[in-house]
PDBML (XML) file of the C-alpha atoms, coordinates in Angstrom:
<?xml version="1.0" encoding="UTF-8" ?>
<PDBx:datablock datablockName="MODEL"
   xmlns:PDBx="http://pdbml.pdb.org/schema/pdbx-v50.xsd"
   xmlns:xsi="http://www.w3.org/2001/XMLSchema-instance"
   xsi:schemaLocation="http://pdbml.pdb.org/schema/pdbx-v50.xsd pdbx-v50.xsd">
   <PDBx:atom_siteCategory>
      <PDBx:atom_site id="1">
         <PDBx:B_iso_or_equiv>0.00</PDBx:B_iso_or_equiv>
         <PDBx:Cartn_x>-24.638</PDBx:Cartn_x>
         <PDBx:Cartn_y>-22.260</PDBx:Cartn_y>
         <PDBx:Cartn_z>2.848</PDBx:Cartn_z>
         <PDBx:auth_asym_id>A</PDBx:auth_asym_id>
         <PDBx:auth_atom_id>CA</PDBx:auth_atom_id>
         <PDBx:auth_comp_id>UNK</PDBx:auth_comp_id>
         <PDBx:auth_seq_id>1</PDBx:auth_seq_id>
         <PDBx:group_PDB>ATOM</PDBx:group_PDB>
         <PDBx:label_alt_id xsi:nil="true" />
         <PDBx:label_asym_id>A</PDBx:label_asym_id>
         <PDBx:label_atom_id>CA</PDBx:label_atom_id>
         <PDBx:label_comp_id>UNK</PDBx:label_comp_id>
         <PDBx:label_entity_id>1</PDBx:label_entity_id>
         <PDBx:label_seq_id>1</PDBx:label_seq_id>
         <PDBx:occupancy>1.00</PDBx:occupancy>
         <PDBx:pdbx_PDB_model_num>1</PDBx:pdbx_PDB_model_num>
         <PDBx:type_symbol>C</PDBx:type_symbol>
      </PDBx:atom_site>
      <PDBx:atom_site id="2">
         <PDBx:B_iso_or_equiv>0.00</PDBx:B_iso_or_equiv>
         <PDBx:Cartn_x>-21.617</PDBx:Cartn_x>
         <PDBx:Cartn_y>-21.147</PDBx:Cartn_y>
         <PDBx:Cartn_z>0.802</PDBx:Cartn_z>
         <PDBx:auth_asym_id>A</PDBx:auth_asym_id>
         <PDBx:auth_atom_id>CA</PDBx:auth_atom_id>
         <PDBx:auth_comp_id>UNK</PDBx:auth_comp_id>
         <PDBx:auth_seq_id>2</PDBx:auth_seq_id>
         <PDBx:group_PDB>ATOM</PDBx:group_PDB>
         <PDBx:label_alt_id xsi:nil="true" />
         <PDBx:label_asym_id>A</PDBx:label_asym_id>
         <PDBx:label_atom_id>CA</PDBx:label_atom_id>
         <PDBx:label_comp_id>UNK</PDBx:label_comp_id>
         <PDBx:label_entity_id>1</PDBx:label_entity_id>
         <PDBx:label_seq_id>2</PDBx:label_seq_id>
         <PDBx:occupancy>1.00</PDBx:occupancy>
         <PDBx:pdbx_PDB_model_num>1</PDBx:pdbx_PDB_model_num>
         <PDBx:type_symbol>C</PDBx:type_symbol>
      </PDBx:atom_site>
      <PDBx:atom_site id="3">
         <PDBx:B_iso_or_equiv>0.00</PDBx:B_iso_or_equiv>
         <PDBx:Cartn_x>-23.395</PDBx:Cartn_x>
         <PDBx:Cartn_y>-22.175</PDBx:Cartn_y>
         <PDBx:Cartn_z>-2.431</PDBx:Cartn_z>
         <PDBx:auth_asym_id>A</PDBx:auth_asym_id>
         <PDBx:auth_atom_id>CA</PDBx:auth_atom_id>
         <PDBx:auth_comp_id>UNK</PDBx:auth_comp_id>
         <PDBx:auth_seq_id>3</PDBx:auth_seq_id>
         <PDBx:group_PDB>ATOM</PDBx:group_PDB>
         <PDBx:label_alt_id xsi:nil="true" />
         <PDBx:label_asym_id>A</PDBx:label_asym_id>
         <PDBx:label_atom_id>CA</PDBx:label_atom_id>
         <PDBx:label_comp_id>UNK</PDBx:label_comp_id>
         <PDBx:label_entity_id>1</PDBx:label_entity_id>
         <PDBx:label_seq_id>3</PDBx:label_seq_id>
         <PDBx:occupancy>1.00</PDBx:occupancy>
         <PDBx:pdbx_PDB_model_num>1</PDBx:pdbx_PDB_model_num>
         <PDBx:type_symbol>C</PDBx:type_symbol>
      </PDBx:atom_site>
      <PDBx:atom_site id="4">
         <PDBx:B_iso_or_equiv>0.00</PDBx:B_iso_or_equiv>
         <PDBx:Cartn_x>-22.013</PDBx:Cartn_x>
         <PDBx:Cartn_y>-19.229</PDBx:Cartn_y>
         <PDBx:Cartn_z>-4.420</PDBx:Cartn_z>
         <PDBx:auth_asym_id>A</PDBx:auth_asym_id>
         <PDBx:auth_atom_id>CA</PDBx:auth_atom_id>
         <PDBx:auth_comp_id>UNK</PDBx:auth_comp_id>
         <PDBx:auth_seq_id>4</PDBx:auth_seq_id>
         <PDBx:group_PDB>ATOM</PDBx:group_PDB>
         <PDBx:label_alt_id xsi:nil="true" />
         <PDBx:label_asym_id>A</PDBx:label_asym_id>
         <PDBx:label_atom_id>CA</PDBx:label_atom_id>
         <PDBx:label_comp_id>UNK</PDBx:label_comp_id>
         <PDBx:label_entity_id>1</PDBx:label_entity_id>
         <PDBx:label_seq_id>4</PDBx:label_seq_id>
         <PDBx:occupancy>1.00</PDBx:occupancy>
         <PDBx:pdbx_PDB_model_num>1</PDBx:pdbx_PDB_model_num>
         <PDBx:type_symbol>C</PDBx:type_symbol>
      </PDBx:atom_site>
      <PDBx:atom_site id="5">
         <PDBx:B_iso_or_equiv>0.00</PDBx:B_iso_or_equiv>
         <PDBx:Cartn_x>-18.385</PDBx:Cartn_x>
         <PDBx:Cartn_y>-18.156</PDBx:Cartn_y>
         <PDBx:Cartn_z>-4.731</PDBx:Cartn_z>
         <PDBx:auth_asym_id>A</PDBx:auth_asym_id>
         <PDBx:auth_atom_id>CA</PDBx:auth_atom_id>
         <PDBx:auth_comp_id>UNK</PDBx:auth_comp_id>
         <PDBx:auth_seq_id>5</PDBx:auth_seq_id>
         <PDBx:group_PDB>ATOM</PDBx:group_PDB>
         <PDBx:label_alt_id xsi:nil="true" />
         <PDBx:label_asym_id>A</PDBx:label_asym_id>
         <PDBx:label_atom_id>CA</PDBx:label_atom_id>
         <PDBx:label_comp_id>UNK</PDBx:label_comp_id>
         <PDBx:label_entity_id>1</PDBx:label_entity_id>
         <PDBx:label_seq_id>5</PDBx:label_seq_id>
         <PDBx:occupancy>1.00</PDBx:occupancy>
         <PDBx:pdbx_PDB_model_num>1</PDBx:pdbx_PDB_model_num>
         <PDBx:type_symbol>C</PDBx:type_symbol>
      </PDBx:atom_site>
      <PDBx:atom_site id="6">
         <PDBx:B_iso_or_equiv>0.00</PDBx:B_iso_or_equiv>
         <PDBx:Cartn_x>-17.253</PDBx:Cartn_x>
         <PDBx:Cartn_y>-14.660</PDBx:Cartn_y>
         <PDBx:Cartn_z>-5.626</PDBx:Cartn_z>
         <PDBx:auth_asym_id>A</PDBx:auth_asym_id>
         <PDBx:auth_atom_id>CA</PDBx:auth_atom_id>
         <PDBx:auth_comp_id>UNK</PDBx:auth_comp_id>
         <PDBx:auth_seq_id>6</PDBx:auth_seq_id>
         <PDBx:group_PDB>ATOM</PDBx:group_PDB>
         <PDBx:label_alt_id xsi:nil="true" />
         <PDBx:label_asym_id>A</PDBx:label_asym_id>
         <PDBx:label_atom_id>CA</PDBx:label_atom_id>
         <PDBx:label_comp_id>UNK</PDBx:label_comp_id>
         <PDBx:label_entity_id>1</PDBx:label_entity_id>
         <PDBx:label_seq_id>6</PDBx:label_seq_id>
         <PDBx:occupancy>1.00</PDBx:occupancy>
         <PDBx:pdbx_PDB_model_num>1</PDBx:pdbx_PDB_model_num>
         <PDBx:type_symbol>C</PDBx:type_symbol>
      </PDBx:atom_site>
      <PDBx:atom_site id="7">
         <PDBx:B_iso_or_equiv>0.00</PDBx:B_iso_or_equiv>
         <PDBx:Cartn_x>-13.923</PDBx:Cartn_x>
         <PDBx:Cartn_y>-14.596</PDBx:Cartn_y>
         <PDBx:Cartn_z>-7.411</PDBx:Cartn_z>
         <PDBx:auth_asym_id>A</PDBx:auth_asym_id>
         <PDBx:auth_atom_id>CA</PDBx:auth_atom_id>
         <PDBx:auth_comp_id>UNK</PDBx:auth_comp_id>
         <PDBx:auth_seq_id>7</PDBx:auth_seq_id>
         <PDBx:group_PDB>ATOM</PDBx:group_PDB>
         <PDBx:label_alt_id xsi:nil="true" />
         <PDBx:label_asym_id>A</PDBx:label_asym_id>
         <PDBx:label_atom_id>CA</PDBx:label_atom_id>
         <PDBx:label_comp_id>UNK</PDBx:label_comp_id>
         <PDBx:label_entity_id>1</PDBx:label_entity_id>
         <PDBx:label_seq_id>7</PDBx:label_seq_id>
         <PDBx:occupancy>1.00</PDBx:occupancy>
         <PDBx:pdbx_PDB_model_num>1</PDBx:pdbx_PDB_model_num>
         <PDBx:type_symbol>C</PDBx:type_symbol>
      </PDBx:atom_site>
      <PDBx:atom_site id="8">
         <PDBx:B_iso_or_equiv>0.00</PDBx:B_iso_or_equiv>
         <PDBx:Cartn_x>-12.015</PDBx:Cartn_x>
         <PDBx:Cartn_y>-11.847</PDBx:Cartn_y>
         <PDBx:Cartn_z>-9.124</PDBx:Cartn_z>
         <PDBx:auth_asym_id>A</PDBx:auth_asym_id>
         <PDBx:auth_atom_id>CA</PDBx:auth_atom_id>
         <PDBx:auth_comp_id>UNK</PDBx:auth_comp_id>
         <PDBx:auth_seq_id>8</PDBx:auth_seq_id>
         <PDBx:group_PDB>ATOM</PDBx:group_PDB>
         <PDBx:label_alt_id xsi:nil="true" />
         <PDBx:label_asym_id>A</PDBx:label_asym_id>
         <PDBx:label_atom_id>CA</PDBx:label_atom_id>
         <PDBx:label_comp_id>UNK</PDBx:label_comp_id>
         <PDBx:label_entity_id>1</PDBx:label_entity_id>
         <PDBx:label_seq_id>8</PDBx:label_seq_id>
         <PDBx:occupancy>1.00</PDBx:occupancy>
         <PDBx:pdbx_PDB_model_num>1</PDBx:pdbx_PDB_model_num>
         <PDBx:type_symbol>C</PDBx:type_symbol>
      </PDBx:atom_site>
      <PDBx:atom_site id="9">
         <PDBx:B_iso_or_equiv>0.00</PDBx:B_iso_or_equiv>
         <PDBx:Cartn_x>-9.094</PDBx:Cartn_x>
         <PDBx:Cartn_y>-12.707</PDBx:Cartn_y>
         <PDBx:Cartn_z>-11.364</PDBx:Cartn_z>
         <PDBx:auth_asym_id>A</PDBx:auth_asym_id>
         <PDBx:auth_atom_id>CA</PDBx:auth_atom_id>
         <PDBx:auth_comp_id>UNK</PDBx:auth_comp_id>
         <PDBx:auth_seq_id>9</PDBx:auth_seq_id>
         <PDBx:group_PDB>ATOM</PDBx:group_PDB>
         <PDBx:label_alt_id xsi:nil="true" />
         <PDBx:label_asym_id>A</PDBx:label_asym_id>
         <PDBx:label_atom_id>CA</PDBx:label_atom_id>
         <PDBx:label_comp_id>UNK</PDBx:label_comp_id>
         <PDBx:label_entity_id>1</PDBx:label_entity_id>
         <PDBx:label_seq_id>9</PDBx:label_seq_id>
         <PDBx:occupancy>1.00</PDBx:occupancy>
         <PDBx:pdbx_PDB_model_num>1</PDBx:pdbx_PDB_model_num>
         <PDBx:type_symbol>C</PDBx:type_symbol>
      </PDBx:atom_site>
      <PDBx:atom_site id="10">
         <PDBx:B_iso_or_equiv>0.00</PDBx:B_iso_or_equiv>
         <PDBx:Cartn_x>-7.932</PDBx:Cartn_x>
         <PDBx:Cartn_y>-9.120</PDBx:Cartn_y>
         <PDBx:Cartn_z>-11.610</PDBx:Cartn_z>
         <PDBx:auth_asym_id>A</PDBx:auth_asym_id>
         <PDBx:auth_atom_id>CA</PDBx:auth_atom_id>
         <PDBx:auth_comp_id>UNK</PDBx:auth_comp_id>
         <PDBx:auth_seq_id>10</PDBx:auth_seq_id>
         <PDBx:group_PDB>ATOM</PDBx:group_PDB>
         <PDBx:label_alt_id xsi:nil="true" />
         <PDBx:label_asym_id>A</PDBx:label_asym_id>
         <PDBx:label_atom_id>CA</PDBx:label_atom_id>
         <PDBx:label_comp_id>UNK</PDBx:label_comp_id>
         <PDBx:label_entity_id>1</PDBx:label_entity_id>
         <PDBx:label_seq_id>10</PDBx:label_seq_id>
         <PDBx:occupancy>1.00</PDBx:occupancy>
         <PDBx:pdbx_PDB_model_num>1</PDBx:pdbx_PDB_model_num>
         <PDBx:type_symbol>C</PDBx:type_symbol>
      </PDBx:atom_site>
      <PDBx:atom_site id="11">
         <PDBx:B_iso_or_equiv>0.00</PDBx:B_iso_or_equiv>
         <PDBx:Cartn_x>-9.104</PDBx:Cartn_x>
         <PDBx:Cartn_y>-5.934</PDBx:Cartn_y>
         <PDBx:Cartn_z>-9.953</PDBx:Cartn_z>
         <PDBx:auth_asym_id>A</PDBx:auth_asym_id>
         <PDBx:auth_atom_id>CA</PDBx:auth_atom_id>
         <PDBx:auth_comp_id>UNK</PDBx:auth_comp_id>
         <PDBx:auth_seq_id>11</PDBx:auth_seq_id>
         <PDBx:group_PDB>ATOM</PDBx:group_PDB>
         <PDBx:label_alt_id xsi:nil="true" />
         <PDBx:label_asym_id>A</PDBx:label_asym_id>
         <PDBx:label_atom_id>CA</PDBx:label_atom_id>
         <PDBx:label_comp_id>UNK</PDBx:label_comp_id>
         <PDBx:label_entity_id>1</PDBx:label_entity_id>
         <PDBx:label_seq_id>11</PDBx:label_seq_id>
         <PDBx:occupancy>1.00</PDBx:occupancy>
         <PDBx:pdbx_PDB_model_num>1</PDBx:pdbx_PDB_model_num>
         <PDBx:type_symbol>C</PDBx:type_symbol>
      </PDBx:atom_site>
      <PDBx:atom_site id="12">
         <PDBx:B_iso_or_equiv>0.00</PDBx:B_iso_or_equiv>
         <PDBx:Cartn_x>-11.205</PDBx:Cartn_x>
         <PDBx:Cartn_y>-3.336</PDBx:Cartn_y>
         <PDBx:Cartn_z>-11.716</PDBx:Cartn_z>
         <PDBx:auth_asym_id>A</PDBx:auth_asym_id>
         <PDBx:auth_atom_id>CA</PDBx:auth_atom_id>
         <PDBx:auth_comp_id>UNK</PDBx:auth_comp_id>
         <PDBx:auth_seq_id>12</PDBx:auth_seq_id>
         <PDBx:group_PDB>ATOM</PDBx:group_PDB>
         <PDBx:label_alt_id xsi:nil="true" />
         <PDBx:label_asym_id>A</PDBx:label_asym_id>
         <PDBx:label_atom_id>CA</PDBx:label_atom_id>
         <PDBx:label_comp_id>UNK</PDBx:label_comp_id>
         <PDBx:label_entity_id>1</PDBx:label_entity_id>
         <PDBx:label_seq_id>12</PDBx:label_seq_id>
         <PDBx:occupancy>1.00</PDBx:occupancy>
         <PDBx:pdbx_PDB_model_num>1</PDBx:pdbx_PDB_model_num>
         <PDBx:type_symbol>C</PDBx:type_symbol>
      </PDBx:atom_site>
      <PDBx:atom_site id="13">
         <PDBx:B_iso_or_equiv>0.00</PDBx:B_iso_or_equiv>
         <PDBx:Cartn_x>-9.152</PDBx:Cartn_x>
         <PDBx:Cartn_y>-0.134</PDBx:Cartn_y>
         <PDBx:Cartn_z>-11.977</PDBx:Cartn_z>
         <PDBx:auth_asym_id>A</PDBx:auth_asym_id>
         <PDBx:auth_atom_id>CA</PDBx:auth_atom_id>
         <PDBx:auth_comp_id>UNK</PDBx:auth_comp_id>
         <PDBx:auth_seq_id>13</PDBx:auth_seq_id>
         <PDBx:group_PDB>ATOM</PDBx:group_PDB>
         <PDBx:label_alt_id xsi:nil="true" />
         <PDBx:label_asym_id>A</PDBx:label_asym_id>
         <PDBx:label_atom_id>CA</PDBx:label_atom_id>
         <PDBx:label_comp_id>UNK</PDBx:label_comp_id>
         <PDBx:label_entity_id>1</PDBx:label_entity_id>
         <PDBx:label_seq_id>13</PDBx:label_seq_id>
         <PDBx:occupancy>1.00</PDBx:occupancy>
         <PDBx:pdbx_PDB_model_num>1</PDBx:pdbx_PDB_model_num>
         <PDBx:type_symbol>C</PDBx:type_symbol>
      </PDBx:atom_site>
      <PDBx:atom_site id="14">
         <PDBx:B_iso_or_equiv>0.00</PDBx:B_iso_or_equiv>
         <PDBx:Cartn_x>-9.920</PDBx:Cartn_x>
         <PDBx:Cartn_y>3.485</PDBx:Cartn_y>
         <PDBx:Cartn_z>-12.769</PDBx:Cartn_z>
         <PDBx:auth_asym_id>A</PDBx:auth_asym_id>
         <PDBx:auth_atom_id>CA</PDBx:auth_atom_id>
         <PDBx:auth_comp_id>UNK</PDBx:auth_comp_id>
         <PDBx:auth_seq_id>14</PDBx:auth_seq_id>
         <PDBx:group_PDB>ATOM</PDBx:group_PDB>
         <PDBx:label_alt_id xsi:nil="true" />
         <PDBx:label_asym_id>A</PDBx:label_asym_id>
         <PDBx:label_atom_id>CA</PDBx:label_atom_id>
         <PDBx:label_comp_id>UNK</PDBx:label_comp_id>
         <PDBx:label_entity_id>1</PDBx:label_entity_id>
         <PDBx:label_seq_id>14</PDBx:label_seq_id>
         <PDBx:occupancy>1.00</PDBx:occupancy>
         <PDBx:pdbx_PDB_model_num>1</PDBx:pdbx_PDB_model_num>
         <PDBx:type_symbol>C</PDBx:type_symbol>
      </PDBx:atom_site>
      <PDBx:atom_site id="15">
         <PDBx:B_iso_or_equiv>0.00</PDBx:B_iso_or_equiv>
         <PDBx:Cartn_x>-6.930</PDBx:Cartn_x>
         <PDBx:Cartn_y>5.780</PDBx:Cartn_y>
         <PDBx:Cartn_z>-13.353</PDBx:Cartn_z>
         <PDBx:auth_asym_id>A</PDBx:auth_asym_id>
         <PDBx:auth_atom_id>CA</PDBx:auth_atom_id>
         <PDBx:auth_comp_id>UNK</PDBx:auth_comp_id>
         <PDBx:auth_seq_id>15</PDBx:auth_seq_id>
         <PDBx:group_PDB>ATOM</PDBx:group_PDB>
         <PDBx:label_alt_id xsi:nil="true" />
         <PDBx:label_asym_id>A</PDBx:label_asym_id>
         <PDBx:label_atom_id>CA</PDBx:label_atom_id>
         <PDBx:label_comp_id>UNK</PDBx:label_comp_id>
         <PDBx:label_entity_id>1</PDBx:label_entity_id>
         <PDBx:label_seq_id>15</PDBx:label_seq_id>
         <PDBx:occupancy>1.00</PDBx:occupancy>
         <PDBx:pdbx_PDB_model_num>1</PDBx:pdbx_PDB_model_num>
         <PDBx:type_symbol>C</PDBx:type_symbol>
      </PDBx:atom_site>
      <PDBx:atom_site id="16">
         <PDBx:B_iso_or_equiv>0.00</PDBx:B_iso_or_equiv>
         <PDBx:Cartn_x>-7.037</PDBx:Cartn_x>
         <PDBx:Cartn_y>9.508</PDBx:Cartn_y>
         <PDBx:Cartn_z>-14.077</PDBx:Cartn_z>
         <PDBx:auth_asym_id>A</PDBx:auth_asym_id>
         <PDBx:auth_atom_id>CA</PDBx:auth_atom_id>
         <PDBx:auth_comp_id>UNK</PDBx:auth_comp_id>
         <PDBx:auth_seq_id>16</PDBx:auth_seq_id>
         <PDBx:group_PDB>ATOM</PDBx:group_PDB>
         <PDBx:label_alt_id xsi:nil="true" />
         <PDBx:label_asym_id>A</PDBx:label_asym_id>
         <PDBx:label_atom_id>CA</PDBx:label_atom_id>
         <PDBx:label_comp_id>UNK</PDBx:label_comp_id>
         <PDBx:label_entity_id>1</PDBx:label_entity_id>
         <PDBx:label_seq_id>16</PDBx:label_seq_id>
         <PDBx:occupancy>1.00</PDBx:occupancy>
         <PDBx:pdbx_PDB_model_num>1</PDBx:pdbx_PDB_model_num>
         <PDBx:type_symbol>C</PDBx:type_symbol>
      </PDBx:atom_site>
      <PDBx:atom_site id="17">
         <PDBx:B_iso_or_equiv>0.00</PDBx:B_iso_or_equiv>
         <PDBx:Cartn_x>-4.582</PDBx:Cartn_x>
         <PDBx:Cartn_y>10.842</PDBx:Cartn_y>
         <PDBx:Cartn_z>-16.664</PDBx:Cartn_z>
         <PDBx:auth_asym_id>A</PDBx:auth_asym_id>
         <PDBx:auth_atom_id>CA</PDBx:auth_atom_id>
         <PDBx:auth_comp_id>UNK</PDBx:auth_comp_id>
         <PDBx:auth_seq_id>17</PDBx:auth_seq_id>
         <PDBx:group_PDB>ATOM</PDBx:group_PDB>
         <PDBx:label_alt_id xsi:nil="true" />
         <PDBx:label_asym_id>A</PDBx:label_asym_id>
         <PDBx:label_atom_id>CA</PDBx:label_atom_id>
         <PDBx:label_comp_id>UNK</PDBx:label_comp_id>
         <PDBx:label_entity_id>1</PDBx:label_entity_id>
         <PDBx:label_seq_id>17</PDBx:label_seq_id>
         <PDBx:occupancy>1.00</PDBx:occupancy>
         <PDBx:pdbx_PDB_model_num>1</PDBx:pdbx_PDB_model_num>
         <PDBx:type_symbol>C</PDBx:type_symbol>
      </PDBx:atom_site>
      <PDBx:atom_site id="18">
         <PDBx:B_iso_or_equiv>0.00</PDBx:B_iso_or_equiv>
         <PDBx:Cartn_x>-3.547</PDBx:Cartn_x>
         <PDBx:Cartn_y>13.644</PDBx:Cartn_y>
         <PDBx:Cartn_z>-14.286</PDBx:Cartn_z>
         <PDBx:auth_asym_id>A</PDBx:auth_asym_id>
         <PDBx:auth_atom_id>CA</PDBx:auth_atom_id>
         <PDBx:auth_comp_id>UNK</PDBx:auth_comp_id>
         <PDBx:auth_seq_id>18</PDBx:auth_seq_id>
         <PDBx:group_PDB>ATOM</PDBx:group_PDB>
         <PDBx:label_alt_id xsi:nil="true" />
         <PDBx:label_asym_id>A</PDBx:label_asym_id>
         <PDBx:label_atom_id>CA</PDBx:label_atom_id>
         <PDBx:label_comp_id>UNK</PDBx:label_comp_id>
         <PDBx:label_entity_id>1</PDBx:label_entity_id>
         <PDBx:label_seq_id>18</PDBx:label_seq_id>
         <PDBx:occupancy>1.00</PDBx:occupancy>
         <PDBx:pdbx_PDB_model_num>1</PDBx:pdbx_PDB_model_num>
         <PDBx:type_symbol>C</PDBx:type_symbol>
      </PDBx:atom_site>
      <PDBx:atom_site id="19">
         <PDBx:B_iso_or_equiv>0.00</PDBx:B_iso_or_equiv>
         <PDBx:Cartn_x>-3.818</PDBx:Cartn_x>
         <PDBx:Cartn_y>14.601</PDBx:Cartn_y>
         <PDBx:Cartn_z>-10.645</PDBx:Cartn_z>
         <PDBx:auth_asym_id>A</PDBx:auth_asym_id>
         <PDBx:auth_atom_id>CA</PDBx:auth_atom_id>
         <PDBx:auth_comp_id>UNK</PDBx:auth_comp_id>
         <PDBx:auth_seq_id>19</PDBx:auth_seq_id>
         <PDBx:group_PDB>ATOM</PDBx:group_PDB>
         <PDBx:label_alt_id xsi:nil="true" />
         <PDBx:label_asym_id>A</PDBx:label_asym_id>
         <PDBx:label_atom_id>CA</PDBx:label_atom_id>
         <PDBx:label_comp_id>UNK</PDBx:label_comp_id>
         <PDBx:label_entity_id>1</PDBx:label_entity_id>
         <PDBx:label_seq_id>19</PDBx:label_seq_id>
         <PDBx:occupancy>1.00</PDBx:occupancy>
         <PDBx:pdbx_PDB_model_num>1</PDBx:pdbx_PDB_model_num>
         <PDBx:type_symbol>C</PDBx:type_symbol>
      </PDBx:atom_site>
      <PDBx:atom_site id="20">
         <PDBx:B_iso_or_equiv>0.00</PDBx:B_iso_or_equiv>
         <PDBx:Cartn_x>-4.637</PDBx:Cartn_x>
         <PDBx:Cartn_y>18.272</PDBx:Cartn_y>
         <PDBx:Cartn_z>-11.391</PDBx:Cartn_z>
         <PDBx:auth_asym_id>A</PDBx:auth_asym_id>
         <PDBx:auth_atom_id>CA</PDBx:auth_atom_id>
         <PDBx:auth_comp_id>UNK</PDBx:auth_comp_id>
         <PDBx:auth_seq_id>20</PDBx:auth_seq_id>
         <PDBx:group_PDB>ATOM</PDBx:group_PDB>
         <PDBx:label_alt_id xsi:nil="true" />
         <PDBx:label_asym_id>A</PDBx:label_asym_id>
         <PDBx:label_atom_id>CA</PDBx:label_atom_id>
         <PDBx:label_comp_id>UNK</PDBx:label_comp_id>
         <PDBx:label_entity_id>1</PDBx:label_entity_id>
         <PDBx:label_seq_id>20</PDBx:label_seq_id>
         <PDBx:occupancy>1.00</PDBx:occupancy>
         <PDBx:pdbx_PDB_model_num>1</PDBx:pdbx_PDB_model_num>
         <PDBx:type_symbol>C</PDBx:type_symbol>
      </PDBx:atom_site>
      <PDBx:atom_site id="21">
         <PDBx:B_iso_or_equiv>0.00</PDBx:B_iso_or_equiv>
         <PDBx:Cartn_x>-6.327</PDBx:Cartn_x>
         <PDBx:Cartn_y>20.131</PDBx:Cartn_y>
         <PDBx:Cartn_z>-14.249</PDBx:Cartn_z>
         <PDBx:auth_asym_id>A</PDBx:auth_asym_id>
         <PDBx:auth_atom_id>CA</PDBx:auth_atom_id>
         <PDBx:auth_comp_id>UNK</PDBx:auth_comp_id>
         <PDBx:auth_seq_id>21</PDBx:auth_seq_id>
         <PDBx:group_PDB>ATOM</PDBx:group_PDB>
         <PDBx:label_alt_id xsi:nil="true" />
         <PDBx:label_asym_id>A</PDBx:label_asym_id>
         <PDBx:label_atom_id>CA</PDBx:label_atom_id>
         <PDBx:label_comp_id>UNK</PDBx:label_comp_id>
         <PDBx:label_entity_id>1</PDBx:label_entity_id>
         <PDBx:label_seq_id>21</PDBx:label_seq_id>
         <PDBx:occupancy>1.00</PDBx:occupancy>
         <PDBx:pdbx_PDB_model_num>1</PDBx:pdbx_PDB_model_num>
         <PDBx:type_symbol>C</PDBx:type_symbol>
      </PDBx:atom_site>
      <PDBx:atom_site id="22">
         <PDBx:B_iso_or_equiv>0.00</PDBx:B_iso_or_equiv>
         <PDBx:Cartn_x>-7.596</PDBx:Cartn_x>
         <PDBx:Cartn_y>23.641</PDBx:Cartn_y>
         <PDBx:Cartn_z>-14.933</PDBx:Cartn_z>
         <PDBx:auth_asym_id>A</PDBx:auth_asym_id>
         <PDBx:auth_atom_id>CA</PDBx:auth_atom_id>
         <PDBx:auth_comp_id>UNK</PDBx:auth_comp_id>
         <PDBx:auth_seq_id>22</PDBx:auth_seq_id>
         <PDBx:group_PDB>ATOM</PDBx:group_PDB>
         <PDBx:label_alt_id xsi:nil="true" />
         <PDBx:label_asym_id>A</PDBx:label_asym_id>
         <PDBx:label_atom_id>CA</PDBx:label_atom_id>
         <PDBx:label_comp_id>UNK</PDBx:label_comp_id>
         <PDBx:label_entity_id>1</PDBx:label_entity_id>
         <PDBx:label_seq_id>22</PDBx:label_seq_id>
         <PDBx:occupancy>1.00</PDBx:occupancy>
         <PDBx:pdbx_PDB_model_num>1</PDBx:pdbx_PDB_model_num>
         <PDBx:type_symbol>C</PDBx:type_symbol>
      </PDBx:atom_site>
      <PDBx:atom_site id="23">
         <PDBx:B_iso_or_equiv>0.00</PDBx:B_iso_or_equiv>
         <PDBx:Cartn_x>-11.369</PDBx:Cartn_x>
         <PDBx:Cartn_y>24.102</PDBx:Cartn_y>
         <PDBx:Cartn_z>-14.783</PDBx:Cartn_z>
         <PDBx:auth_asym_id>A</PDBx:auth_asym_id>
         <PDBx:auth_atom_id>CA</PDBx:auth_atom_id>
         <PDBx:auth_comp_id>UNK</PDBx:auth_comp_id>
         <PDBx:auth_seq_id>23</PDBx:auth_seq_id>
         <PDBx:group_PDB>ATOM</PDBx:group_PDB>
         <PDBx:label_alt_id xsi:nil="true" />
         <PDBx:label_asym_id>A</PDBx:label_asym_id>
         <PDBx:label_atom_id>CA</PDBx:label_atom_id>
         <PDBx:label_comp_id>UNK</PDBx:label_comp_id>
         <PDBx:label_entity_id>1</PDBx:label_entity_id>
         <PDBx:label_seq_id>23</PDBx:label_seq_id>
         <PDBx:occupancy>1.00</PDBx:occupancy>
         <PDBx:pdbx_PDB_model_num>1</PDBx:pdbx_PDB_model_num>
         <PDBx:type_symbol>C</PDBx:type_symbol>
      </PDBx:atom_site>
      <PDBx:atom_site id="24">
         <PDBx:B_iso_or_equiv>0.00</PDBx:B_iso_or_equiv>
         <PDBx:Cartn_x>-12.774</PDBx:Cartn_x>
         <PDBx:Cartn_y>23.418</PDBx:Cartn_y>
         <PDBx:Cartn_z>-18.241</PDBx:Cartn_z>
         <PDBx:auth_asym_id>A</PDBx:auth_asym_id>
         <PDBx:auth_atom_id>CA</PDBx:auth_atom_id>
         <PDBx:auth_comp_id>UNK</PDBx:auth_comp_id>
         <PDBx:auth_seq_id>24</PDBx:auth_seq_id>
         <PDBx:group_PDB>ATOM</PDBx:group_PDB>
         <PDBx:label_alt_id xsi:nil="true" />
         <PDBx:label_asym_id>A</PDBx:label_asym_id>
         <PDBx:label_atom_id>CA</PDBx:label_atom_id>
         <PDBx:label_comp_id>UNK</PDBx:label_comp_id>
         <PDBx:label_entity_id>1</PDBx:label_entity_id>
         <PDBx:label_seq_id>24</PDBx:label_seq_id>
         <PDBx:occupancy>1.00</PDBx:occupancy>
         <PDBx:pdbx_PDB_model_num>1</PDBx:pdbx_PDB_model_num>
         <PDBx:type_symbol>C</PDBx:type_symbol>
      </PDBx:atom_site>
   </PDBx:atom_siteCategory>
</PDBx:datablock>
């Protein structure tokens, strides 16, 4: 029981360079 601890120092992030783009 509770033998493993998950910890995250910082979040993983994914950020697009724009919120809209033309196809292609």
